[in-house]
Amino acid sequence: MMALPKGEWATKLRTMRHYNAIARRYDELYGSEQLAKMKLVEQGIRIEAEEVILDVGCGTGLLFDLIAPKVKLLIGLDISFEQLKIAYKKMKRFNNVQLIRADAEHIPFRENIFDKVVAVTLLQNLTDPERFLREVIRINKPHGECVITALKKKFDKDKLISLLRKAELDFRFLEEETKDYIVLCRTI
């Protein structure tokens, strides 16, 4: 694995520590808000039984109940060990969910293996959102879909559109009446 610049590592470490610290209270603090976003995500994409989906920034596994019963395989990826410990308890209800601790900007999977990638409330925690989008394109199958949410207080719409265009993604906004932009993207 490549060495990260000192400032980038410090930011990632802060993010890990923050989410580790709030892991036990995360669902109580943010669960209903996150589930509302996830339901909009679920409604915005067509999910098929043979699909393999990556939930990047899966946190405590709130998406599992909505998606796992409908797909072949759901992989949750998060950088926070404590969040993944809680997700592990939820994962046990399913035989098609796996977890991995990894950095969203350096996803440890080969190219073209996921049908869909979901990233809810992740973008604002990244040191390099462009690198993350390049990773999504790399691991997604050709013409695969990804759904990304971006907090409006961190990303104005023009900044988000510019980021998505630079990544050369086809995209459309699914929802704009929440605290987040919810964007359906397709790899070209």
C-alpha atoms as a PDB file:
ATOM      1  CA  MET A   1       0.000   0.000   0.000  1.00  0.00           C
ATOM      2  CA  MET A   2       1.260   3.459  -0.821  1.00  0.00           C
ATOM      3  CA  ALA A   3       2.292   5.854   1.922  1.00  0.00           C
ATOM      4  CA  LEU A   4      -0.091   8.736   2.541  1.00  0.00           C
ATOM      5  CA  PRO A   5       1.067  12.314   2.947  1.00  0.00           C
ATOM      6  CA  LYS A   6       1.211  13.308   6.623  1.00  0.00           C
ATOM      7  CA  GLY A   7      -1.720  15.764   6.438  1.00  0.00           C
ATOM      8  CA  GLU A   8      -3.915  13.275   4.617  1.00  0.00           C
ATOM      9  CA  TRP A   9      -3.199  10.571   7.175  1.00  0.00           C
ATOM     10  CA  ALA A  10      -3.957  12.985  10.034  1.00  0.00           C
ATOM     11  CA  THR A  11      -7.355  13.754   8.489  1.00  0.00           C
ATOM     12  CA  LYS A  12      -8.171  10.067   8.026  1.00  0.00           C
ATOM     13  CA  LEU A  13      -7.072   9.323  11.582  1.00  0.00           C
ATOM     14  CA  ARG A  14      -9.349  12.095  12.898  1.00  0.00           C
ATOM     15  CA  THR A  15     -12.252  10.663  10.926  1.00  0.00           C
ATOM     16  CA  MET A  16     -11.591   7.144  12.226  1.00  0.00           C
ATOM     17  CA  ARG A  17     -11.358   8.362  15.804  1.00  0.00           C
ATOM     18  CA  HIS A  18     -14.558  10.393  15.467  1.00  0.00           C
ATOM     19  CA  TYR A  19     -16.598   7.486  14.115  1.00  0.00           C
ATOM     20  CA  ASN A  20     -15.027   5.044  16.565  1.00  0.00           C
ATOM     21  CA  ALA A  21     -16.015   7.373  19.425  1.00  0.00           C
ATOM     22  CA  ILE A  22     -19.663   7.715  18.362  1.00  0.00           C
ATOM     23  CA  ALA A  23     -20.169   4.175  17.051  1.00  0.00           C
ATOM     24  CA  ARG A  24     -22.283   2.914  19.969  1.00  0.00           C
ATOM     25  CA  ARG A  25     -24.571   5.965  19.731  1.00  0.00           C
ATOM     26  CA  TYR A  26     -24.519   6.402  15.956  1.00  0.00           C
ATOM     27  CA  ASP A  27     -27.845   4.691  15.192  1.00  0.00           C
ATOM     28  CA  GLU A  28     -29.525   6.589  18.010  1.00  0.00           C
ATOM     29  CA  LEU A  29     -28.079   9.936  16.890  1.00  0.00           C
ATOM     30  CA  TYR A  30     -28.338   9.584  13.110  1.00  0.00           C
ATOM     31  CA  GLY A  31     -30.206   6.356  12.371  1.00  0.00           C
ATOM     32  CA  SER A  32     -33.576   7.779  11.356  1.00  0.00           C
ATOM     33  CA  GLU A  33     -31.994  10.472   9.163  1.00  0.00           C
ATOM     34  CA  GLN A  34     -29.664   7.939   7.528  1.00  0.00           C
ATOM     35  CA  LEU A  35     -32.457   5.407   6.973  1.00  0.00           C
ATOM     36  CA  ALA A  36     -34.581   8.068   5.271  1.00  0.00           C
ATOM     37  CA  LYS A  37     -31.711   8.745   2.842  1.00  0.00           C
ATOM     38  CA  MET A  38     -31.142   5.035   2.308  1.00  0.00           C
ATOM     39  CA  LYS A  39     -34.798   4.465   1.478  1.00  0.00           C
ATOM     40  CA  LEU A  40     -34.555   7.205  -1.156  1.00  0.00           C
ATOM     41  CA  VAL A  41     -31.419   5.510  -2.496  1.00  0.00           C
ATOM     42  CA  GLU A  42     -33.203   2.152  -2.604  1.00  0.00           C
ATOM     43  CA  GLN A  43     -36.171   3.684  -4.449  1.00  0.00           C
ATOM     44  CA  GLY A  44     -33.865   5.418  -6.926  1.00  0.00           C
ATOM     45  CA  ILE A  45     -32.097   2.312  -8.194  1.00  0.00           C
ATOM     46  CA  ARG A  46     -33.299  -0.973  -9.600  1.00  0.00           C
ATOM     47  CA  ILE A  47     -31.885  -3.814  -7.548  1.00  0.00           C
ATOM     48  CA  GLU A  48     -31.642  -7.275  -9.053  1.00  0.00           C
ATOM     49  CA  ALA A  49     -31.167 -10.641  -7.369  1.00  0.00           C
ATOM     50  CA  GLU A  50     -27.834 -11.545  -8.989  1.00  0.00           C
ATOM     51  CA  GLU A  51     -26.117  -8.256  -8.227  1.00  0.00           C
ATOM     52  CA  VAL A  52     -23.023  -7.654  -6.147  1.00  0.00           C
ATOM     53  CA  ILE A  53     -23.193  -4.322  -4.334  1.00  0.00           C
ATOM     54  CA  LEU A  54     -20.572  -2.411  -2.357  1.00  0.00           C
ATOM     55  CA  ASP A  55     -21.731  -0.153   0.477  1.00  0.00           C
ATOM     56  CA  VAL A  56     -18.792   2.232   0.930  1.00  0.00           C
ATOM     57  CA  GLY A  57     -18.797   3.910   4.324  1.00  0.00           C
ATOM     58  CA  CYS A  58     -21.299   1.327   5.553  1.00  0.00           C
ATOM     59  CA  GLY A  59     -20.926   2.474   9.143  1.00  0.00           C
ATOM     60  CA  THR A  60     -23.149   0.446  11.448  1.00  0.00           C
ATOM     61  CA  GLY A  61     -24.806  -1.427   8.590  1.00  0.00           C
ATOM     62  CA  LEU A  62     -28.042   0.509   8.356  1.00  0.00           C
ATOM     63  CA  LEU A  63     -28.391  -0.327   4.655  1.00  0.00           C
ATOM     64  CA  PHE A  64     -28.195  -4.091   5.182  1.00  0.00           C
ATOM     65  CA  ASP A  65     -31.893  -4.664   5.952  1.00  0.00           C
ATOM     66  CA  LEU A  66     -32.971  -2.739   2.854  1.00  0.00           C
ATOM     67  CA  ILE A  67     -30.572  -4.251   0.324  1.00  0.00           C
ATOM     68  CA  ALA A  68     -29.235  -7.631   1.511  1.00  0.00           C
ATOM     69  CA  PRO A  69     -32.488  -9.596   1.049  1.00  0.00           C
ATOM     70  CA  LYS A  70     -32.610  -8.514  -2.604  1.00  0.00           C
ATOM     71  CA  VAL A  71     -29.059  -9.225  -3.864  1.00  0.00           C
ATOM     72  CA  LYS A  72     -26.531 -11.999  -4.329  1.00  0.00           C
ATOM     73  CA  LEU A  73     -23.819 -10.280  -2.261  1.00  0.00           C
ATOM     74  CA  LEU A  74     -23.539  -7.046  -0.290  1.00  0.00           C
ATOM     75  CA  ILE A  75     -20.138  -5.951   0.953  1.00  0.00           C
ATOM     76  CA  GLY A  76     -19.883  -3.247   3.585  1.00  0.00           C
ATOM     77  CA  LEU A  77     -16.654  -1.258   3.673  1.00  0.00           C
ATOM     78  CA  ASP A  78     -15.696   1.224   6.365  1.00  0.00           C
ATOM     79  CA  ILE A  79     -12.566   2.696   7.906  1.00  0.00           C
ATOM     80  CA  SER A  80     -13.966   2.678  11.461  1.00  0.00           C
ATOM     81  CA  PHE A  81     -13.352  -0.536  13.368  1.00  0.00           C
ATOM     82  CA  GLU A  82     -15.948   0.310  16.027  1.00  0.00           C
ATOM     83  CA  GLN A  83     -18.637   1.010  13.420  1.00  0.00           C
ATOM     84  CA  LEU A  84     -17.829  -2.307  11.753  1.00  0.00           C
ATOM     85  CA  LYS A  85     -18.200  -4.136  15.083  1.00  0.00           C
ATOM     86  CA  ILE A  86     -21.805  -2.942  15.222  1.00  0.00           C
ATOM     87  CA  ALA A  87     -22.341  -3.720  11.534  1.00  0.00           C
ATOM     88  CA  TYR A  88     -21.021  -7.231  12.204  1.00  0.00           C
ATOM     89  CA  LYS A  89     -23.891  -7.884  14.641  1.00  0.00           C
ATOM     90  CA  LYS A  90     -26.394  -6.827  11.946  1.00  0.00           C
ATOM     91  CA  MET A  91     -24.557  -8.785   9.262  1.00  0.00           C
ATOM     92  CA  LYS A  92     -25.102 -12.061  11.129  1.00  0.00           C
ATOM     93  CA  ARG A  93     -28.785 -12.011  10.099  1.00  0.00           C
ATOM     94  CA  PHE A  94     -27.752 -12.504   6.477  1.00  0.00           C
ATOM     95  CA  ASN A  95     -25.698 -15.132   4.694  1.00  0.00           C
ATOM     96  CA  ASN A  96     -24.812 -12.786   1.821  1.00  0.00           C
ATOM     97  CA  VAL A  97     -23.201  -9.848   3.645  1.00  0.00           C
ATOM     98  CA  GLN A  98     -19.473  -9.449   4.183  1.00  0.00           C
ATOM     99  CA  LEU A  99     -17.499  -6.658   5.840  1.00  0.00           C
ATOM    100  CA  ILE A 100     -14.096  -5.211   5.174  1.00  0.00           C
ATOM    101  CA  ARG A 101     -12.153  -2.490   6.953  1.00  0.00           C
ATOM    102  CA  ALA A 102     -10.594  -0.280   4.329  1.00  0.00           C
ATOM    103  CA  ASP A 103     -10.120   3.266   3.102  1.00  0.00           C
ATOM    104  CA  ALA A 104     -12.720   4.445   0.572  1.00  0.00           C
ATOM    105  CA  GLU A 105     -10.026   6.234  -1.395  1.00  0.00           C
ATOM    106  CA  HIS A 106      -7.988   3.028  -1.767  1.00  0.00           C
ATOM    107  CA  ILE A 107     -10.607   0.295  -2.249  1.00  0.00           C
ATOM    108  CA  PRO A 108      -8.935  -3.138  -2.117  1.00  0.00           C
ATOM    109  CA  PHE A 109     -10.869  -4.842  -4.920  1.00  0.00           C
ATOM    110  CA  ARG A 110      -9.971  -5.611  -8.505  1.00  0.00           C
ATOM    111  CA  GLU A 111     -11.525  -3.789 -11.430  1.00  0.00           C
ATOM    112  CA  ASN A 112     -15.076  -4.234 -12.768  1.00  0.00           C
ATOM    113  CA  ILE A 113     -16.604  -6.476 -10.097  1.00  0.00           C
ATOM    114  CA  PHE A 114     -19.494  -4.508  -8.593  1.00  0.00           C
ATOM    115  CA  ASP A 115     -22.878  -3.967 -10.210  1.00  0.00           C
ATOM    116  CA  LYS A 116     -23.595  -1.035  -7.947  1.00  0.00           C
ATOM    117  CA  VAL A 117     -21.756   1.068  -5.399  1.00  0.00           C
ATOM    118  CA  VAL A 118     -23.568   3.011  -2.688  1.00  0.00           C
ATOM    119  CA  ALA A 119     -21.924   5.780  -0.662  1.00  0.00           C
ATOM    120  CA  VAL A 120     -24.291   7.474   1.781  1.00  0.00           C
ATOM    121  CA  THR A 121     -22.947  10.404   3.829  1.00  0.00           C
ATOM    122  CA  LEU A 122     -19.357   9.648   2.897  1.00  0.00           C
ATOM    123  CA  LEU A 123     -18.114  12.289   0.477  1.00  0.00           C
ATOM    124  CA  GLN A 124     -17.582  15.036   3.060  1.00  0.00           C
ATOM    125  CA  ASN A 125     -15.336  12.736   5.141  1.00  0.00           C
ATOM    126  CA  LEU A 126     -12.862  12.112   2.337  1.00  0.00           C
ATOM    127  CA  THR A 127      -9.549  13.864   1.836  1.00  0.00           C
ATOM    128  CA  ASP A 128      -9.805  13.472  -1.938  1.00  0.00           C
ATOM    129  CA  PRO A 129     -13.340  12.930  -3.312  1.00  0.00           C
ATOM    130  CA  GLU A 130     -11.956  12.801  -6.865  1.00  0.00           C
ATOM    131  CA  ARG A 131      -9.769   9.832  -5.952  1.00  0.00           C
ATOM    132  CA  PHE A 132     -12.801   8.127  -4.427  1.00  0.00           C
ATOM    133  CA  LEU A 133     -14.794   8.609  -7.637  1.00  0.00           C
ATOM    134  CA  ARG A 134     -11.910   7.176  -9.672  1.00  0.00           C
ATOM    135  CA  GLU A 135     -11.991   4.150  -7.367  1.00  0.00           C
ATOM    136  CA  VAL A 136     -15.754   3.776  -7.849  1.00  0.00           C
ATOM    137  CA  ILE A 137     -15.310   3.843 -11.615  1.00  0.00           C
ATOM    138  CA  ARG A 138     -12.461   1.322 -11.392  1.00  0.00           C
ATOM    139  CA  ILE A 139     -14.351  -1.259  -9.307  1.00  0.00           C
ATOM    140  CA  ASN A 140     -17.761  -0.804 -10.916  1.00  0.00           C
ATOM    141  CA  LYS A 141     -18.663  -2.859 -13.973  1.00  0.00           C
ATOM    142  CA  PRO A 142     -18.949  -0.971 -17.258  1.00  0.00           C
ATOM    143  CA  HIS A 143     -22.241   0.949 -17.226  1.00  0.00           C
ATOM    144  CA  GLY A 144     -22.571   0.134 -13.526  1.00  0.00           C
ATOM    145  CA  GLU A 145     -24.453   2.406 -11.186  1.00  0.00           C
ATOM    146  CA  CYS A 146     -23.418   4.231  -8.074  1.00  0.00           C
ATOM    147  CA  VAL A 147     -25.490   6.302  -5.704  1.00  0.00           C
ATOM    148  CA  ILE A 148     -23.698   9.021  -3.811  1.00  0.00           C
ATOM    149  CA  THR A 149     -25.043  11.436  -1.259  1.00  0.00           C
ATOM    150  CA  ALA A 150     -23.357  14.723  -0.439  1.00  0.00           C
ATOM    151  CA  LEU A 151     -24.165  16.971   2.502  1.00  0.00           C
ATOM    152  CA  LYS A 152     -25.350  20.314   1.223  1.00  0.00           C
ATOM    153  CA  LYS A 153     -23.519  22.159   3.985  1.00  0.00           C
ATOM    154  CA  LYS A 154     -20.232  20.734   2.627  1.00  0.00           C
ATOM    155  CA  PHE A 155     -20.922  20.639  -1.120  1.00  0.00           C
ATOM    156  CA  ASP A 156     -22.775  23.271  -3.029  1.00  0.00           C
ATOM    157  CA  LYS A 157     -24.511  21.894  -6.087  1.00  0.00           C
ATOM    158  CA  ASP A 158     -22.089  23.464  -8.574  1.00  0.00           C
ATOM    159  CA  LYS A 159     -19.091  21.987  -6.751  1.00  0.00           C
ATOM    160  CA  LEU A 160     -20.708  18.555  -6.743  1.00  0.00           C
ATOM    161  CA  ILE A 161     -21.657  18.770 -10.424  1.00  0.00           C
ATOM    162  CA  SER A 162     -18.109  19.823 -11.290  1.00  0.00           C
ATOM    163  CA  LEU A 163     -16.697  16.876  -9.338  1.00  0.00           C
ATOM    164  CA  LEU A 164     -19.015  14.390 -11.072  1.00  0.00           C
ATOM    165  CA  ARG A 165     -18.307  15.825 -14.521  1.00  0.00           C
ATOM    166  CA  LYS A 166     -14.566  15.731 -13.921  1.00  0.00           C
ATOM    167  CA  ALA A 167     -14.947  12.033 -13.081  1.00  0.00           C
ATOM    168  CA  GLU A 168     -16.791  11.640 -16.398  1.00  0.00           C
ATOM    169  CA  LEU A 169     -19.871  10.101 -14.793  1.00  0.00           C
ATOM    170  CA  ASP A 170     -23.362  10.318 -16.234  1.00  0.00           C
ATOM    171  CA  PHE A 171     -25.555  11.467 -13.379  1.00  0.00           C
ATOM    172  CA  ARG A 172     -28.922  12.734 -12.298  1.00  0.00           C
ATOM    173  CA  PHE A 173     -30.144  14.065  -8.993  1.00  0.00           C
ATOM    174  CA  LEU A 174     -32.701  11.826  -7.298  1.00  0.00           C
ATOM    175  CA  GLU A 175     -33.609  14.022  -4.358  1.00  0.00           C
ATOM    176  CA  GLU A 176     -32.902  17.564  -3.346  1.00  0.00           C
ATOM    177  CA  GLU A 177     -35.430  18.121  -0.572  1.00  0.00           C
ATOM    178  CA  THR A 178     -33.192  16.629   2.139  1.00  0.00           C
ATOM    179  CA  LYS A 179     -29.997  17.816   3.833  1.00  0.00           C
ATOM    180  CA  ASP A 180     -28.143  15.881   1.156  1.00  0.00           C
ATOM    181  CA  TYR A 181     -27.971  15.756  -2.578  1.00  0.00           C
ATOM    182  CA  ILE A 182     -28.706  12.199  -3.664  1.00  0.00           C
ATOM    183  CA  VAL A 183     -27.162  11.447  -7.026  1.00  0.00           C
ATOM    184  CA  LEU A 184     -27.497   8.392  -9.266  1.00  0.00           C
ATOM    185  CA  CYS A 185     -24.376   7.979 -11.399  1.00  0.00           C
ATOM    186  CA  ARG A 186     -23.509   5.596 -14.209  1.00  0.00           C
ATOM    187  CA  THR A 187     -20.057   4.688 -15.325  1.00  0.00           C
ATOM    188  CA  ILE A 188     -19.449   5.239 -19.003  1.00  0.00           C
END
